[in-house]
Structures are given as structure tokens and as C-alpha cells.
Amino acid sequence: MTGPARQENQITPESIPGIISNFEQNHTALTEISILWNPPTIPNGIITAYEIRYRESTSTGPYNITNTTNTHYSIVGLMHDTSYIIGVRAYTSIGPGEWTEREYTTAQLPIVSNFSVTQVNATALEFQWLSVKEKEAYFYTVYYISSFCSGSLTFSKNSSYHIIPAEGIAGIKVYLFSISVTLKIRDTLYEGERSPFIPQELIRTEPTETISDEPITPGLISTILIMSTSLLTNIILSVILMILCTKSKTSNNNMNNGDNLIMKKSPAYNNIIMKKQLNQEGIDGPTYELADSAPQLSHAPAEYETIAQL
């Protein structure tokens, strides 16, 4: 008996699904790991959901469990720089398939980059750095150290350029500078790793005299001339006084140290010689006697003058 062929569809009973495929990490942040995957290659039915579990890789406690109907998921509220074991399995109406697990790690606290220190002048320093991208950034800390002192400075999270007064810099000192960023994660502050120390030689320069920009006026010229004339007059008077003092001192030395003095009058008269005698007891200073007296004259004698030392 022949006739048209008859086609029938028969559905086999559902069973547990196979394992998911292409399970990988999509994104990692300080407190978040994003994952994605493909459905099982052997679904054994209709996939109704995916179950996700995770815990720290060093933990032996219970897993955190959640589920989704998508083939991607973001796990939040994690600890930074921490490894987690994450597993995913598919579900059918019969039940779950086997777990597929991977180990992923959250991001580390960032290190501030492009940090530089410049001495602007004798009293100010300039700090520059590249701001971190993490939204949890709270503030920045600059550390400094030298053989004389050490300390730190704090700047707001919106800073990437700052000039501060450099108090206490005297002479030449070499400082080491470093910077870190502190993040606020779930109301807890975490400080990232400090950047490598960079040396900076700080020099205290003495302030220089400024030159006036005021124009030169006739009044200013007159003042300068008067001051110059007064100064020249004082110098001339000082030189004259020094010459007079020197002559007076020389004359006194001649009177005190010379043995004989010749007093000369007109050539028509005789010489009068005053000879120094030795000191006698009870008499202070030298005494003199006349060696040859002048003749008696009917008119007044001429004036005498000292002409030489013998």
C-alpha cells in the first residue's frame, strides 16, 4: 500500500544542560569584576537561567550566589587587589549543569604617574601629576624627606597641579619627593602605593635689588650733584686735616728728639746755640743753657726762625 509520506516531530525529554563555553573576564575595577560567556553547546533543553557563585580564592567559607538570564554579569562590592574564584552554570527545567570556574583578580590601587617637582623661586615649589581615573579617589599625599627633616602634604582629589610655599629652605638641600593617592571604598580609606622617590635640589637664592623705573628729572639730577659735591668737600677737608696732623707730629718729634737747634737771625748777628743738658734731680724734662749770647743792640733784634736740625 502506497501513499504520501507522513512527517512527525517528536521531542526528546529534557535533561541537565552541558557546560557553558567561552567563559572570560570582560572588565576589572577596584571593586568589580565583569564576566561573560556563551550558552552550552549541548543545552539538552531550554536554558532558563544561569547561576553564578564567587568567593575569595583563599577562603574556605560559603560562596556568594546570584543568578541571571543574560550571558554576562558584573560582580560588585569586591575587595581591591584580591583574587576570586568565580563559577557559572546553566539551568534547564530539569536542573543545573556542571560548574565552569575561573580565577580572576580585582584591580590594584593605582600609583600616581607623571609626578614632578619644580622650584619656582626662592619661596615656592610646584607639584604636578597625572590624576588617577578611579572614581573612588579621595585625596593625594606628597611625601618629602631629607637629612634635615621629613613630612607630608595633602591635596584634594581634584588637584593635579599645585604651588606651595617652601618655608624653611636655607642654603642648598637635596629632598626626595613621592606621591600617593588615597581612595574611599565603602566608607573605608585605602592608600595606594607611593610613587618612586625623585630627588630635587632646592636652592635658597638671596633677593636681588630692583632697579627703579622712575624717570630721571632735573630735581633728581640736582640732588645727586649736591650730594656728590658734599662728599667731595668732605674728602678734601679730611685730606687737609691729615696733612696738618702729620706736619705737627713731625715738628714735635724734632723738638723732642733733636740734640741741638740752630736759631738764625740776620747774617750781621752772631749765632745763638741752645744746647740740651742732662736732667738734674728734681727737674722734669731737659734744661738748656746759652753757649753764646748775642751782643747788646740799641734796636730791637730781628725775629728768629728754625732752619735745620743738627
Protein backbone atom coordinates (compact mmCIF):
# COMPACT_ATOMS: atom_id res chain seq x y z
CA MET A 1 0.00 0.00 0.00
CA THR A 2 1.41 3.17 -1.12
CA GLY A 3 0.56 6.76 -0.28
CA PRO A 4 2.04 10.13 0.71
CA ALA A 5 4.75 10.13 3.35
CA ARG A 6 3.81 11.37 6.81
CA GLN A 7 6.17 13.60 8.84
CA GLU A 8 6.07 13.62 12.62
CA ASN A 9 8.09 15.67 15.13
CA GLN A 10 8.96 14.08 18.41
CA ILE A 11 10.57 15.92 21.31
CA THR A 12 13.01 14.02 23.47
CA PRO A 13 12.78 14.55 27.17
CA GLU A 14 14.83 17.47 28.65
CA SER A 15 17.85 16.80 30.77
CA ILE A 16 20.52 18.82 32.53
CA PRO A 17 22.44 21.15 30.22
CA GLY A 18 26.05 20.88 29.21
CA ILE A 19 28.76 23.30 30.40
CA ILE A 20 28.89 26.89 29.23
CA SER A 21 31.56 27.93 26.73
CA ASN A 22 33.93 30.84 26.21
CA PHE A 23 33.80 31.95 29.85
CA GLU A 24 36.05 35.00 30.32
CA GLN A 25 36.60 38.22 32.19
CA ASN A 26 35.29 41.31 30.42
CA HIS A 27 36.34 44.14 32.76
CA THR A 28 38.10 44.58 36.08
CA ALA A 29 38.00 47.50 38.50
CA LEU A 30 38.94 48.06 42.13
CA THR A 31 35.72 46.56 43.48
CA GLU A 32 34.21 44.95 40.41
CA ILE A 33 34.74 42.05 38.00
CA SER A 34 32.66 41.77 34.84
CA ILE A 35 32.33 38.36 33.14
CA LEU A 36 30.66 36.97 30.02
CA TRP A 37 30.12 33.55 28.43
CA ASN A 38 28.27 31.64 25.72
CA PRO A 39 25.39 29.19 26.25
CA PRO A 40 26.19 25.47 26.45
CA THR A 41 26.94 23.82 23.14
CA ILE A 42 24.70 20.96 24.29
CA PRO A 43 21.78 22.63 26.02
CA ASN A 44 19.65 19.47 26.46
CA GLY A 45 16.62 21.65 26.69
CA ILE A 46 15.68 25.26 27.08
CA ILE A 47 18.12 27.29 29.22
CA THR A 48 16.05 29.05 31.82
CA ALA A 49 18.79 30.78 33.84
CA TYR A 50 22.45 30.91 34.78
CA GLU A 51 23.68 30.61 38.31
CA ILE A 52 26.84 32.45 39.46
CA ARG A 53 28.86 31.86 42.58
CA TYR A 54 32.06 33.51 43.86
CA ARG A 55 34.30 33.82 46.89
CA GLU A 56 37.88 34.82 47.65
CA SER A 57 40.35 32.25 46.37
CA THR A 58 41.90 31.82 49.82
CA SER A 59 38.54 31.43 51.55
CA THR A 60 37.01 28.14 52.68
CA GLY A 61 33.70 29.71 53.61
CA PRO A 62 30.42 29.64 51.70
CA TYR A 63 30.05 31.11 48.23
CA ASN A 64 28.12 34.22 47.37
CA ILE A 65 25.41 33.13 44.91
CA THR A 66 23.36 35.08 42.40
CA ASN A 67 21.65 34.35 39.05
CA THR A 68 20.80 35.99 35.74
CA THR A 69 19.12 35.16 32.45
CA ASN A 70 21.80 37.01 30.46
CA THR A 71 25.16 35.70 29.35
CA HIS A 72 27.09 38.46 31.13
CA TYR A 73 27.24 39.75 34.67
CA SER A 74 29.11 42.28 36.84
CA ILE A 75 30.05 41.26 40.35
CA VAL A 76 30.38 44.36 42.56
CA GLY A 77 31.28 45.08 46.17
CA LEU A 78 34.57 43.20 45.97
CA MET A 79 37.88 43.96 47.67
CA HIS A 80 40.61 45.60 45.64
CA ASP A 81 43.68 43.61 44.63
CA THR A 82 42.04 40.33 45.64
CA SER A 83 41.65 37.03 43.76
CA TYR A 84 38.23 35.42 43.46
CA ILE A 85 37.03 32.03 42.28
CA ILE A 86 34.02 32.61 40.04
CA GLY A 87 31.78 29.82 38.70
CA VAL A 88 28.87 29.81 36.23
CA ARG A 89 26.42 27.00 35.28
CA ALA A 90 23.29 26.78 33.14
CA TYR A 91 19.81 25.66 34.17
CA THR A 92 17.01 23.83 32.37
CA SER A 93 13.68 22.82 33.75
CA ILE A 94 15.30 19.58 34.81
CA GLY A 95 18.07 21.22 36.76
CA PRO A 96 21.56 22.78 36.61
CA GLY A 97 24.51 21.65 34.59
CA GLU A 98 28.11 21.47 35.80
CA TRP A 99 30.10 24.46 37.06
CA THR A 100 32.69 26.21 34.93
CA GLU A 101 35.12 28.14 37.15
CA ARG A 102 37.81 30.74 36.62
CA GLU A 103 40.04 32.75 38.95
CA TYR A 104 40.08 36.50 38.43
CA THR A 105 41.62 39.36 40.40
CA THR A 106 40.33 42.85 41.06
CA ALA A 107 42.44 45.88 40.17
CA GLN A 108 45.20 47.19 42.39
CA LEU A 109 45.13 50.61 43.98
CA PRO A 110 46.57 53.00 41.41
CA ILE A 111 50.04 54.54 41.50
CA VAL A 112 50.16 58.23 40.60
CA SER A 113 52.19 58.83 37.45
CA ASN A 114 53.95 61.79 35.82
CA PHE A 115 54.86 63.27 39.20
CA SER A 116 57.29 66.20 39.07
CA VAL A 117 58.66 68.84 41.44
CA THR A 118 60.00 72.22 40.33
CA GLN A 119 61.36 75.10 42.39
CA VAL A 120 59.52 78.17 41.11
CA ASN A 121 61.56 80.68 43.11
CA ALA A 122 63.26 81.02 46.49
CA THR A 123 59.99 80.60 48.38
CA ALA A 124 57.74 78.32 46.30
CA LEU A 125 57.59 74.79 44.89
CA GLU A 126 55.43 73.49 42.04
CA PHE A 127 53.98 69.94 42.12
CA GLN A 128 52.40 68.31 39.07
CA TRP A 129 50.98 64.82 38.49
CA LEU A 130 48.50 62.90 36.36
CA SER A 131 45.18 62.37 38.13
CA VAL A 132 44.02 58.77 38.53
CA LYS A 133 40.89 57.63 36.70
CA GLU A 134 39.32 55.75 39.58
CA LYS A 135 36.14 57.41 40.81
CA GLU A 136 36.97 56.35 44.36
CA ALA A 137 39.97 58.75 44.51
CA TYR A 138 39.70 60.83 47.69
CA PHE A 139 42.92 62.85 48.11
CA TYR A 140 46.62 62.91 47.21
CA THR A 141 49.58 62.91 49.60
CA VAL A 142 53.05 64.25 48.75
CA TYR A 143 55.86 62.94 50.94
CA TYR A 144 59.24 64.64 51.32
CA ILE A 145 62.39 63.60 53.15
CA SER A 146 65.93 64.94 53.57
CA SER A 147 68.76 64.64 56.05
CA PHE A 148 67.24 67.59 57.92
CA CYS A 149 63.51 66.85 58.04
CA SER A 150 60.59 64.86 56.65
CA GLY A 151 56.85 65.26 56.34
CA SER A 152 53.84 65.16 54.03
CA LEU A 153 51.35 67.45 52.29
CA THR A 154 47.74 66.60 51.39
CA PHE A 155 45.85 67.82 48.30
CA SER A 156 42.24 67.36 47.21
CA LYS A 157 41.20 64.73 44.69
CA ASN A 158 40.56 67.38 42.06
CA SER A 159 44.18 68.56 42.13
CA SER A 160 46.82 67.73 39.59
CA TYR A 161 48.82 70.96 39.82
CA HIS A 162 49.72 72.88 42.94
CA ILE A 163 52.19 75.55 44.10
CA ILE A 164 53.08 75.69 47.79
CA PRO A 165 55.35 77.96 49.87
CA ALA A 166 58.72 76.34 50.55
CA GLU A 167 59.26 77.54 54.10
CA GLY A 168 62.43 76.63 55.95
CA ILE A 169 64.59 76.17 52.88
CA ALA A 170 68.01 77.55 53.70
CA GLY A 171 71.12 77.05 51.63
CA ILE A 172 71.23 74.06 49.32
CA LYS A 173 69.41 70.87 50.34
CA VAL A 174 68.50 67.76 48.38
CA TYR A 175 65.00 66.48 49.07
CA LEU A 176 63.31 63.26 47.96
CA PHE A 177 59.66 63.56 46.92
CA SER A 178 56.98 60.90 46.41
CA ILE A 179 53.21 60.90 45.93
CA SER A 180 50.31 58.52 46.61
CA VAL A 181 46.54 58.57 46.21
CA THR A 182 44.04 57.56 48.88
CA LEU A 183 40.71 56.07 47.82
CA LYS A 184 37.46 55.80 49.72
CA ILE A 185 35.86 52.38 49.22
CA ARG A 186 32.66 51.60 51.11
CA ASP A 187 33.43 54.35 53.66
CA THR A 188 36.92 52.96 54.24
CA LEU A 189 40.09 54.79 53.18
CA TYR A 190 42.79 52.86 51.35
CA GLU A 191 46.13 54.42 50.37
CA GLY A 192 47.76 53.28 47.18
CA GLU A 193 51.42 52.53 46.68
CA ARG A 194 53.74 55.51 46.75
CA SER A 195 55.45 56.53 43.55
CA PRO A 196 59.24 56.12 43.33
CA PHE A 197 61.08 58.89 45.15
CA ILE A 198 62.53 61.59 42.91
CA PRO A 199 65.36 63.89 44.06
CA GLN A 200 65.09 67.65 43.85
CA GLU A 201 67.80 70.15 44.78
CA LEU A 202 66.29 73.17 46.49
CA ILE A 203 68.30 76.39 46.49
CA ARG A 204 67.57 79.43 48.61
CA THR A 205 68.52 82.44 46.50
CA GLU A 206 69.00 85.85 48.03
CA PRO A 207 66.57 88.52 46.84
CA THR A 208 68.09 90.86 44.27
CA GLU A 209 67.84 94.62 44.34
CA THR A 210 65.29 96.02 41.97
CA ILE A 211 66.11 98.88 39.64
CA SER A 212 63.67 101.77 39.81
CA ASP A 213 61.76 102.58 36.68
CA GLU A 214 61.22 106.20 37.71
CA PRO A 215 62.37 108.75 35.09
CA ILE A 216 65.39 110.97 35.77
CA THR A 217 64.16 114.50 36.46
CA PRO A 218 66.08 117.81 36.85
CA GLY A 219 65.30 117.74 40.55
CA LEU A 220 66.83 114.28 40.87
CA ILE A 221 69.95 115.44 38.98
CA SER A 222 70.31 118.47 41.32
CA THR A 223 70.03 116.23 44.35
CA ILE A 224 72.71 113.91 43.01
CA LEU A 225 75.05 116.86 42.24
CA ILE A 226 74.58 118.35 45.73
CA MET A 227 75.29 115.00 47.37
CA SER A 228 78.37 114.49 45.17
CA THR A 229 79.72 118.00 45.94
CA SER A 230 79.20 117.50 49.66
CA LEU A 231 81.01 114.17 49.53
CA LEU A 232 83.94 115.68 47.57
CA THR A 233 84.21 118.57 50.05
CA ASN A 234 84.34 116.17 52.98
CA ILE A 235 87.09 114.17 51.28
CA ILE A 236 89.21 117.31 50.62
CA LEU A 237 88.83 118.52 54.22
CA SER A 238 89.81 115.10 55.53
CA VAL A 239 92.98 115.09 53.39
CA ILE A 240 93.98 118.62 54.59
CA LEU A 241 93.48 117.66 58.23
CA MET A 242 95.60 114.54 57.76
CA ILE A 243 98.45 116.63 56.23
CA LEU A 244 98.33 119.18 59.06
CA CYS A 245 98.35 116.47 61.71
CA THR A 246 101.32 114.79 60.03
CA LYS A 247 103.34 118.07 59.94
CA SER A 248 102.52 118.85 63.57
CA LYS A 249 103.64 115.41 64.65
CA THR A 250 106.93 115.75 62.69
CA SER A 251 107.69 119.16 64.29
CA ASN A 252 107.06 117.79 67.78
CA ASN A 253 109.35 114.87 67.14
CA ASN A 254 112.12 117.27 66.03
CA MET A 255 111.77 119.30 69.22
CA ASN A 256 111.81 116.27 71.46
CA ASN A 257 114.41 114.12 69.76
CA GLY A 258 116.95 116.66 68.37
CA ASP A 259 120.14 117.30 70.32
CA ASN A 260 120.67 120.90 69.09
CA LEU A 261 118.59 123.54 67.33
CA ILE A 262 120.14 126.48 65.38
CA MET A 263 118.24 129.72 65.56
CA LYS A 264 119.36 132.09 62.81
CA LYS A 265 118.86 135.80 62.56
CA SER A 266 120.31 138.27 60.13
CA PRO A 267 123.86 137.44 58.99
CA ALA A 268 125.05 140.57 60.83
CA TYR A 269 124.43 138.92 64.15
CA ASN A 270 126.08 136.00 65.89
CA ASN A 271 124.53 132.55 66.15
CA ILE A 272 122.72 131.56 69.32
CA ILE A 273 123.10 127.88 70.06
CA MET A 274 120.84 126.19 72.63
CA LYS A 275 122.43 123.02 73.96
CA LYS A 276 120.49 120.28 75.70
CA GLN A 277 121.70 119.45 79.21
CA LEU A 278 121.20 116.25 81.15
CA ASN A 279 118.26 116.11 83.55
CA GLN A 280 119.04 117.19 87.06
CA GLU A 281 117.40 115.79 90.12
CA GLY A 282 114.10 117.41 90.83
CA ILE A 283 113.77 118.94 87.35
CA ASP A 284 111.29 117.48 84.85
CA GLY A 285 112.40 117.39 81.23
CA PRO A 286 115.59 118.77 79.61
CA THR A 287 117.09 122.16 80.51
CA TYR A 288 119.04 124.45 78.27
CA GLU A 289 121.95 126.97 78.63
CA LEU A 290 123.16 129.72 76.37
CA ALA A 291 126.51 128.91 74.75
CA ASP A 292 126.97 132.30 73.18
CA SER A 293 124.82 135.31 73.82
CA ALA A 294 124.08 137.98 71.32
CA PRO A 295 125.66 141.49 71.72
CA GLN A 296 123.61 144.29 73.21
CA LEU A 297 121.83 146.20 70.48
CA SER A 298 120.30 149.61 70.52
CA HIS A 299 117.44 148.49 68.34
CA ALA A 300 115.05 145.55 68.56
CA PRO A 301 116.53 142.26 67.42
CA ALA A 302 115.25 140.57 64.33
CA GLU A 303 112.83 137.64 64.57
CA TYR A 304 114.28 134.11 64.58
CA GLU A 305 113.23 131.04 62.73
CA THR A 306 114.19 127.37 62.98
CA ILE A 307 116.08 126.30 59.86
CA ALA A 308 117.52 122.87 60.48
CA GLN A 309 118.23 120.05 62.87
CA LEU A 310 121.86 119.25 63.58
